[in-house]
Amino acid sequence: MRMHWPQTALLHDHLDGSRPLLNILPELARLSGDRYSFDPTKDHHGQIKRWFENPQTDMIKKFSVTTGVMQTPETLRLAARTYVRHRALQGLKYCEATIAPQYFTFKWLTEKEVIQALIEGIKEGENEFPDVEVNLIGTVGREVSSEEGVRLVEAFAECDRSYVPGIGLVCDEAKDPPEKHEPMFRRAKELGFKRTCHAGEWCNLDMFFNGRHYDLDLWKAYTTQLMRNIYTAVFLLEVDRLDHAIPLAYDPKIFRGEVLQRVIEKNIGVTGCPGSYIFSKLIPNLRYLRINDLLNSGVLYSLNPDDDLFMPDLDEVFEMCNNEYQFSPEEQRQLLLNPWLTKFGNRKQHNIPFIN
């Protein structure tokens, strides 16, 4: 019997890559008038997992199997309503669903209309499950220009801010490093958004391939580049959270601990997705992350699935990590508490029994 990890808040969860979509993808395709890409009668989940192998390659094309069938208000509402229901039935009380509206406007919707349709779906889901709170993190796919990033953030600001408490930056940090979008983060701060950024996830995969360090010097150079992106997110973009930050524990060897110290002092949350890194072969093993060292140093690190439509889900992520780290009761308590301490939204009051 599978174990259940009793985490009740989720912060790093891409809606268009989430497990709640699995059973409704054929219906979304039908409503869209599109031919469905997979055969739901023959190892449906396995087909999807195989499609998403090496997700860093042609990422936008691969995600088109979900984003492509969520291009109308009806399909977006259904996706959001199903997301709320699925996460509530898992026992979650608070979720932040990451969404980049620019990928849902290929037919005729505006980014604002995409978010509005998702909010309507969330409201429908929360009417059925009033104990859960689901908010959106409006993100920008970093391949757009810096000017377009600013425009998108300003569009997010026109939406119901109680459902969109934060913004973020996603996708390929190798081609588009975080400093490119400093104007977007500056504008988001002016508008009062909480801010997060995918940084320190992956870059220059030609130099470092499939999680195996063929050459120690190349491995060090790769890690240093990832740490530079984390440094930029912390000091230039002034984020409230870091998404991924895979090599953060190695900062003392790269920036003399300057980044790690700032993360701790400013209570900057770190949303880790260890199952994602194993699936994508971005790390040699789970021990590389040094999660226990981060927790014991005071980093507000949390466990998240990233894209559990095709990657390990939250229960699997904890089980994998606990098998590696054998978390102490205090470390487990921190892992349960940290997402609550670093969440962006506050539409509802929640009773969190493990805080006291």
Protein backbone atom coordinates (compact mmCIF):
# COMPACT_ATOMS: atom_id res chain seq x y z
CA MET A 1 0.00 0.00 0.00
CA ARG A 2 1.32 3.44 -0.92
CA MET A 3 2.15 5.78 1.93
CA HIS A 4 0.42 9.14 2.18
CA TRP A 5 2.53 12.18 3.03
CA PRO A 6 0.23 14.52 5.02
CA GLN A 7 1.39 17.78 3.41
CA THR A 8 -1.54 20.17 3.03
CA ALA A 9 -0.05 23.07 1.04
CA LEU A 10 1.44 22.96 -2.45
CA LEU A 11 3.39 25.82 -4.01
CA HIS A 12 5.11 24.58 -7.18
CA ASP A 13 2.50 22.91 -9.34
CA HIS A 14 2.14 23.68 -13.06
CA LEU A 15 -1.54 23.43 -13.84
CA ASP A 16 -0.91 22.42 -17.46
CA GLY A 17 1.38 19.62 -16.27
CA SER A 18 -0.70 18.44 -13.31
CA ARG A 19 -2.12 14.98 -12.61
CA PRO A 20 -5.71 16.32 -12.32
CA LEU A 21 -5.73 16.72 -16.12
CA LEU A 22 -5.04 13.04 -16.82
CA ASN A 23 -8.63 11.82 -16.99
CA ILE A 24 -10.12 14.92 -18.63
CA LEU A 25 -7.62 15.43 -21.46
CA PRO A 26 -9.77 13.47 -23.96
CA GLU A 27 -12.79 15.60 -22.98
CA LEU A 28 -10.77 18.80 -23.29
CA ALA A 29 -9.74 17.73 -26.78
CA ARG A 30 -13.35 16.94 -27.71
CA LEU A 31 -14.56 20.31 -26.45
CA SER A 32 -11.76 21.95 -28.42
CA GLY A 33 -12.72 20.13 -31.61
CA ASP A 34 -9.22 18.63 -31.78
CA ARG A 35 -8.01 15.10 -32.36
CA TYR A 36 -6.67 13.67 -29.10
CA SER A 37 -2.97 12.80 -29.22
CA PHE A 38 -3.15 9.57 -27.17
CA ASP A 39 -5.26 6.42 -26.93
CA PRO A 40 -6.96 6.53 -23.51
CA THR A 41 -7.83 2.81 -23.73
CA LYS A 42 -4.21 1.63 -23.91
CA ASP A 43 -1.85 2.59 -21.06
CA HIS A 44 -2.98 6.19 -21.27
CA HIS A 45 -0.70 7.46 -18.49
CA GLY A 46 2.28 5.56 -19.87
CA GLN A 47 1.84 7.17 -23.29
CA ILE A 48 1.86 10.63 -21.71
CA LYS A 49 4.95 9.87 -19.63
CA ARG A 50 6.80 8.68 -22.72
CA TRP A 51 5.78 11.81 -24.65
CA PHE A 52 7.31 13.98 -21.93
CA GLU A 53 10.66 12.17 -21.70
CA ASN A 54 13.51 14.71 -21.74
CA PRO A 55 11.02 17.56 -21.11
CA GLN A 56 13.70 20.25 -21.51
CA THR A 57 13.85 19.41 -25.23
CA ASP A 58 11.12 21.23 -27.21
CA MET A 59 9.37 22.06 -23.95
CA ILE A 60 6.69 24.30 -25.46
CA LYS A 61 5.88 21.73 -28.16
CA LYS A 62 5.58 18.94 -25.61
CA PHE A 63 3.25 20.94 -23.39
CA SER A 64 1.08 21.76 -26.39
CA VAL A 65 -0.73 18.46 -25.80
CA THR A 66 -2.27 20.13 -22.72
CA THR A 67 -2.10 23.85 -23.48
CA GLY A 68 -3.45 23.19 -26.98
CA VAL A 69 -6.75 21.82 -25.63
CA MET A 70 -7.20 24.61 -23.08
CA GLN A 71 -7.80 27.54 -25.40
CA THR A 72 -11.45 28.41 -24.62
CA PRO A 73 -13.27 29.61 -21.49
CA GLU A 74 -15.13 26.29 -21.27
CA THR A 75 -12.00 24.15 -21.34
CA LEU A 76 -10.11 26.43 -18.95
CA ARG A 77 -12.98 26.39 -16.46
CA LEU A 78 -13.16 22.60 -16.64
CA ALA A 79 -9.42 22.27 -16.11
CA ALA A 80 -9.42 24.61 -13.10
CA ARG A 81 -12.53 23.05 -11.54
CA THR A 82 -11.04 19.57 -11.94
CA TYR A 83 -7.75 20.75 -10.48
CA VAL A 84 -9.48 22.04 -7.32
CA ARG A 85 -11.47 18.86 -6.92
CA HIS A 86 -8.47 16.54 -7.40
CA ARG A 87 -6.21 18.42 -5.01
CA ALA A 88 -8.95 18.70 -2.38
CA LEU A 89 -9.56 14.94 -2.54
CA GLN A 90 -5.82 14.46 -1.98
CA GLY A 91 -6.21 16.27 1.33
CA LEU A 92 -4.62 19.55 0.28
CA LYS A 93 -5.95 22.77 1.81
CA TYR A 94 -3.91 25.35 -0.07
CA CYS A 95 -2.49 25.25 -3.60
CA GLU A 96 -0.79 27.69 -5.93
CA ALA A 97 -1.21 26.64 -9.55
CA THR A 98 1.48 27.98 -11.84
CA ILE A 99 0.14 29.15 -15.20
CA ALA A 100 1.66 31.07 -18.13
CA PRO A 101 -1.37 32.55 -19.94
CA GLN A 102 0.64 33.39 -23.09
CA TYR A 103 0.41 29.73 -24.11
CA PHE A 104 -3.41 29.70 -23.95
CA THR A 105 -4.11 32.56 -26.34
CA PHE A 106 -3.49 30.85 -29.69
CA LYS A 107 -7.15 31.01 -30.73
CA TRP A 108 -8.74 34.26 -29.61
CA LEU A 109 -8.48 34.78 -25.83
CA THR A 110 -6.42 37.49 -24.17
CA GLU A 111 -4.17 36.69 -21.21
CA LYS A 112 -6.65 38.45 -18.92
CA GLU A 113 -9.51 36.33 -20.27
CA VAL A 114 -7.46 33.16 -19.71
CA ILE A 115 -6.95 34.04 -16.06
CA GLN A 116 -10.59 35.06 -15.62
CA ALA A 117 -11.80 31.71 -16.99
CA LEU A 118 -9.44 29.86 -14.64
CA ILE A 119 -10.67 31.90 -11.68
CA GLU A 120 -14.27 31.03 -12.57
CA GLY A 121 -13.32 27.36 -12.60
CA ILE A 122 -11.57 27.71 -9.25
CA LYS A 123 -14.66 29.32 -7.76
CA GLU A 124 -16.82 26.45 -9.03
CA GLY A 125 -14.41 23.94 -7.50
CA GLU A 126 -14.21 25.77 -4.19
CA ASN A 127 -18.00 25.89 -4.00
CA GLU A 128 -17.89 22.09 -3.90
CA PHE A 129 -14.82 21.98 -1.63
CA PRO A 130 -14.92 25.16 0.49
CA ASP A 131 -12.06 24.08 2.77
CA VAL A 132 -9.48 24.32 -0.02
CA GLU A 133 -7.95 27.55 -1.36
CA VAL A 134 -6.46 27.55 -4.85
CA ASN A 135 -4.67 30.59 -6.25
CA LEU A 136 -2.80 31.26 -9.48
CA ILE A 137 0.80 32.28 -9.99
CA GLY A 138 0.75 34.27 -13.22
CA THR A 139 4.00 33.47 -14.96
CA VAL A 140 5.87 34.60 -18.03
CA GLY A 141 7.55 32.21 -20.45
CA ARG A 142 10.97 33.83 -20.55
CA GLU A 143 11.45 33.51 -24.32
CA VAL A 144 9.39 36.69 -24.80
CA SER A 145 11.05 40.11 -24.88
CA SER A 146 11.62 42.01 -21.65
CA GLU A 147 9.02 44.57 -22.82
CA GLU A 148 6.45 41.82 -23.35
CA GLY A 149 7.22 40.50 -19.87
CA VAL A 150 6.29 43.89 -18.43
CA ARG A 151 3.09 43.97 -20.47
CA LEU A 152 2.08 40.53 -19.23
CA VAL A 153 2.62 41.48 -15.60
CA GLU A 154 0.48 44.57 -16.11
CA ALA A 155 -2.23 42.35 -17.62
CA PHE A 156 -2.08 40.10 -14.55
CA ALA A 157 -2.57 43.18 -12.37
CA GLU A 158 -5.94 43.81 -14.04
CA CYS A 159 -7.27 40.45 -12.82
CA ASP A 160 -8.77 39.59 -9.43
CA ARG A 161 -5.64 39.94 -7.32
CA SER A 162 -7.05 37.88 -4.47
CA TYR A 163 -6.76 34.87 -6.82
CA VAL A 164 -3.47 35.99 -8.43
CA PRO A 165 -1.23 36.96 -5.51
CA GLY A 166 2.10 36.38 -7.26
CA ILE A 167 4.00 36.33 -10.53
CA GLY A 168 6.88 34.23 -11.77
CA LEU A 169 9.28 33.42 -14.58
CA VAL A 170 9.35 29.97 -16.20
CA CYS A 171 10.89 27.84 -18.98
CA ASP A 172 14.38 27.83 -20.48
CA GLU A 173 16.83 29.71 -18.25
CA ALA A 174 19.71 28.59 -20.47
CA LYS A 175 18.56 30.66 -23.45
CA ASP A 176 16.95 33.44 -21.40
CA PRO A 177 18.70 33.98 -18.05
CA PRO A 178 16.83 35.80 -15.28
CA GLU A 179 18.52 39.19 -15.71
CA LYS A 180 16.74 39.59 -19.06
CA HIS A 181 13.48 40.12 -17.18
CA GLU A 182 14.61 42.47 -14.43
CA PRO A 183 12.18 45.15 -15.78
CA MET A 184 9.29 42.74 -15.34
CA PHE A 185 10.21 42.02 -11.73
CA ARG A 186 10.72 45.69 -10.99
CA ARG A 187 7.24 46.44 -12.37
CA ALA A 188 5.73 43.53 -10.43
CA LYS A 189 7.19 44.92 -7.22
CA GLU A 190 5.71 48.35 -8.00
CA LEU A 191 2.32 46.67 -8.51
CA GLY A 192 2.57 44.88 -5.17
CA PHE A 193 2.94 41.31 -6.43
CA LYS A 194 4.80 38.62 -4.56
CA ARG A 195 7.54 37.30 -6.84
CA THR A 196 9.10 33.95 -7.63
CA CYS A 197 11.47 32.73 -10.32
CA HIS A 198 12.58 29.43 -11.83
CA ALA A 199 16.32 29.68 -11.25
CA GLY A 200 19.05 27.12 -10.77
CA GLU A 201 17.11 24.36 -12.52
CA TRP A 202 19.06 23.65 -15.71
CA CYS A 203 21.26 25.39 -18.24
CA ASN A 204 23.81 24.48 -20.92
CA LEU A 205 22.78 20.84 -21.12
CA ASP A 206 25.25 20.28 -23.94
CA MET A 207 27.94 20.78 -21.30
CA PHE A 208 26.27 18.60 -18.71
CA PHE A 209 24.08 15.81 -20.02
CA ASN A 210 21.65 13.42 -18.36
CA GLY A 211 22.76 14.01 -14.79
CA ARG A 212 26.18 12.39 -15.17
CA HIS A 213 29.26 14.53 -14.65
CA TYR A 214 31.68 13.27 -17.28
CA ASP A 215 34.24 15.89 -16.32
CA LEU A 216 34.64 17.45 -12.89
CA ASP A 217 35.61 20.85 -14.29
CA LEU A 218 32.51 20.91 -16.50
CA TRP A 219 30.38 19.88 -13.52
CA LYS A 220 31.76 22.78 -11.48
CA ALA A 221 31.20 25.23 -14.34
CA TYR A 222 27.61 24.02 -14.74
CA THR A 223 26.90 24.36 -11.02
CA THR A 224 28.48 27.81 -10.95
CA GLN A 225 26.26 29.01 -13.81
CA LEU A 226 23.15 27.76 -12.02
CA MET A 227 24.27 29.55 -8.85
CA ARG A 228 24.75 32.78 -10.83
CA ASN A 229 21.12 32.57 -11.89
CA ILE A 230 20.05 32.03 -8.28
CA TYR A 231 22.22 34.98 -7.23
CA THR A 232 20.53 37.14 -9.86
CA ALA A 233 17.05 36.08 -8.73
CA VAL A 234 17.83 36.86 -5.09
CA PHE A 235 19.79 40.12 -5.39
CA LEU A 236 18.64 41.69 -8.68
CA LEU A 237 15.07 40.43 -9.05
CA GLU A 238 14.46 40.50 -5.25
CA VAL A 239 12.28 37.41 -5.27
CA ASP A 240 10.18 36.28 -2.33
CA ARG A 241 10.62 32.64 -3.38
CA LEU A 242 12.98 30.56 -5.49
CA ASP A 243 11.65 27.78 -7.69
CA HIS A 244 14.11 24.84 -7.83
CA ALA A 245 17.48 26.40 -6.81
CA ILE A 246 19.03 22.94 -7.21
CA PRO A 247 22.66 23.74 -6.20
CA LEU A 248 21.82 26.18 -3.37
CA ALA A 249 23.52 24.01 -0.73
CA TYR A 250 26.84 24.46 -2.59
CA ASP A 251 26.77 28.25 -2.39
CA PRO A 252 29.51 28.41 0.31
CA LYS A 253 31.96 27.03 -2.30
CA ILE A 254 30.83 29.45 -5.02
CA PHE A 255 29.69 32.75 -3.48
CA ARG A 256 31.09 32.15 0.02
CA GLY A 257 27.60 31.57 1.35
CA GLU A 258 26.37 35.05 0.44
CA VAL A 259 23.27 33.79 -1.38
CA LEU A 260 22.42 31.19 1.23
CA GLN A 261 22.72 33.79 3.98
CA ARG A 262 20.36 36.17 2.17
CA VAL A 263 17.83 33.40 1.54
CA ILE A 264 17.78 32.59 5.25
CA GLU A 265 17.74 36.19 6.47
CA LYS A 266 14.93 37.25 4.11
CA ASN A 267 12.87 34.07 4.64
CA ILE A 268 12.94 33.38 0.91
CA GLY A 269 11.13 30.12 0.32
CA VAL A 270 12.62 27.41 -1.89
CA THR A 271 10.17 25.19 -3.75
CA GLY A 272 12.09 22.01 -4.46
CA CYS A 273 10.87 19.36 -6.90
CA PRO A 274 13.23 16.40 -6.34
CA GLY A 275 11.14 13.94 -8.35
CA SER A 276 11.33 16.28 -11.33
CA TYR A 277 15.13 16.36 -11.20
CA ILE A 278 15.37 12.58 -11.13
CA PHE A 279 12.84 12.22 -13.97
CA SER A 280 14.71 14.81 -16.04
CA LYS A 281 18.16 13.48 -15.09
CA LEU A 282 19.27 16.90 -13.84
CA ILE A 283 21.02 15.54 -10.73
CA PRO A 284 23.13 12.41 -10.20
CA ASN A 285 21.06 11.35 -7.15
CA LEU A 286 18.75 12.80 -4.48
CA ARG A 287 21.58 13.11 -1.97
CA TYR A 288 23.07 15.80 -4.21
CA LEU A 289 20.36 18.25 -3.12
CA ARG A 290 21.43 18.09 0.57
CA ILE A 291 17.87 18.81 1.65
CA ASN A 292 18.58 18.04 5.30
CA ASP A 293 21.48 20.50 5.36
CA LEU A 294 19.24 23.21 3.90
CA LEU A 295 16.49 22.52 6.43
CA ASN A 296 18.89 22.49 9.36
CA SER A 297 20.48 25.76 8.24
CA GLY A 298 17.09 27.48 8.33
CA VAL A 299 16.14 27.46 4.63
CA LEU A 300 12.35 27.33 4.16
CA TYR A 301 12.53 24.40 1.74
CA SER A 302 9.35 22.64 0.63
CA LEU A 303 8.61 19.52 -1.40
CA ASN A 304 6.53 19.87 -4.56
CA PRO A 305 5.64 17.75 -7.62
CA ASP A 306 6.36 20.27 -10.42
CA ASP A 307 4.46 18.35 -13.15
CA ASP A 308 2.87 15.22 -11.72
CA LEU A 309 0.94 14.51 -14.91
CA PHE A 310 4.11 12.71 -16.00
CA MET A 311 6.49 13.06 -13.03
CA PRO A 312 6.29 11.61 -9.48
CA ASP A 313 3.41 12.94 -7.40
CA LEU A 314 3.80 14.48 -3.94
CA ASP A 315 3.53 11.18 -2.03
CA GLU A 316 6.12 9.60 -4.32
CA VAL A 317 8.41 12.62 -3.96
CA PHE A 318 8.40 12.40 -0.17
CA GLU A 319 8.89 8.63 -0.19
CA MET A 320 11.87 8.92 -2.54
CA CYS A 321 13.45 11.65 -0.43
CA ASN A 322 12.74 10.00 2.89
CA ASN A 323 14.30 6.76 1.69
CA GLU A 324 17.43 8.76 0.94
CA TYR A 325 17.52 11.13 3.93
CA GLN A 326 15.57 9.34 6.67
CA PHE A 327 14.13 12.69 7.78
CA SER A 328 13.95 13.25 11.52
CA PRO A 329 10.58 14.15 13.08
CA GLU A 330 11.71 17.79 13.26
CA GLU A 331 12.77 17.81 9.59
CA GLN A 332 9.42 16.32 8.62
CA ARG A 333 7.64 18.98 10.63
CA GLN A 334 9.62 21.67 8.82
CA LEU A 335 8.75 20.18 5.44
CA LEU A 336 5.05 20.26 6.36
CA LEU A 337 5.19 23.79 7.75
CA ASN A 338 7.43 25.57 5.23
CA PRO A 339 4.91 25.80 2.39
CA TRP A 340 2.48 27.48 4.76
CA LEU A 341 5.16 29.95 5.85
CA THR A 342 6.05 30.88 2.25
CA LYS A 343 2.68 30.86 0.45
CA PHE A 344 1.56 34.02 -1.34
CA GLY A 345 -2.24 33.96 -0.99
CA ASN A 346 -4.48 34.56 2.01
CA ARG A 347 -8.11 34.50 0.88
CA LYS A 348 -9.12 32.00 3.58
CA GLN A 349 -8.30 31.17 7.17
CA HIS A 350 -6.77 27.73 7.63
CA ASN A 351 -6.25 25.63 10.72
CA ILE A 352 -2.76 24.13 10.56
CA PRO A 353 -2.54 21.61 13.43
CA PHE A 354 1.20 20.95 13.24
CA ILE A 355 2.24 24.60 13.74
CA ASN A 356 1.91 24.48 17.54
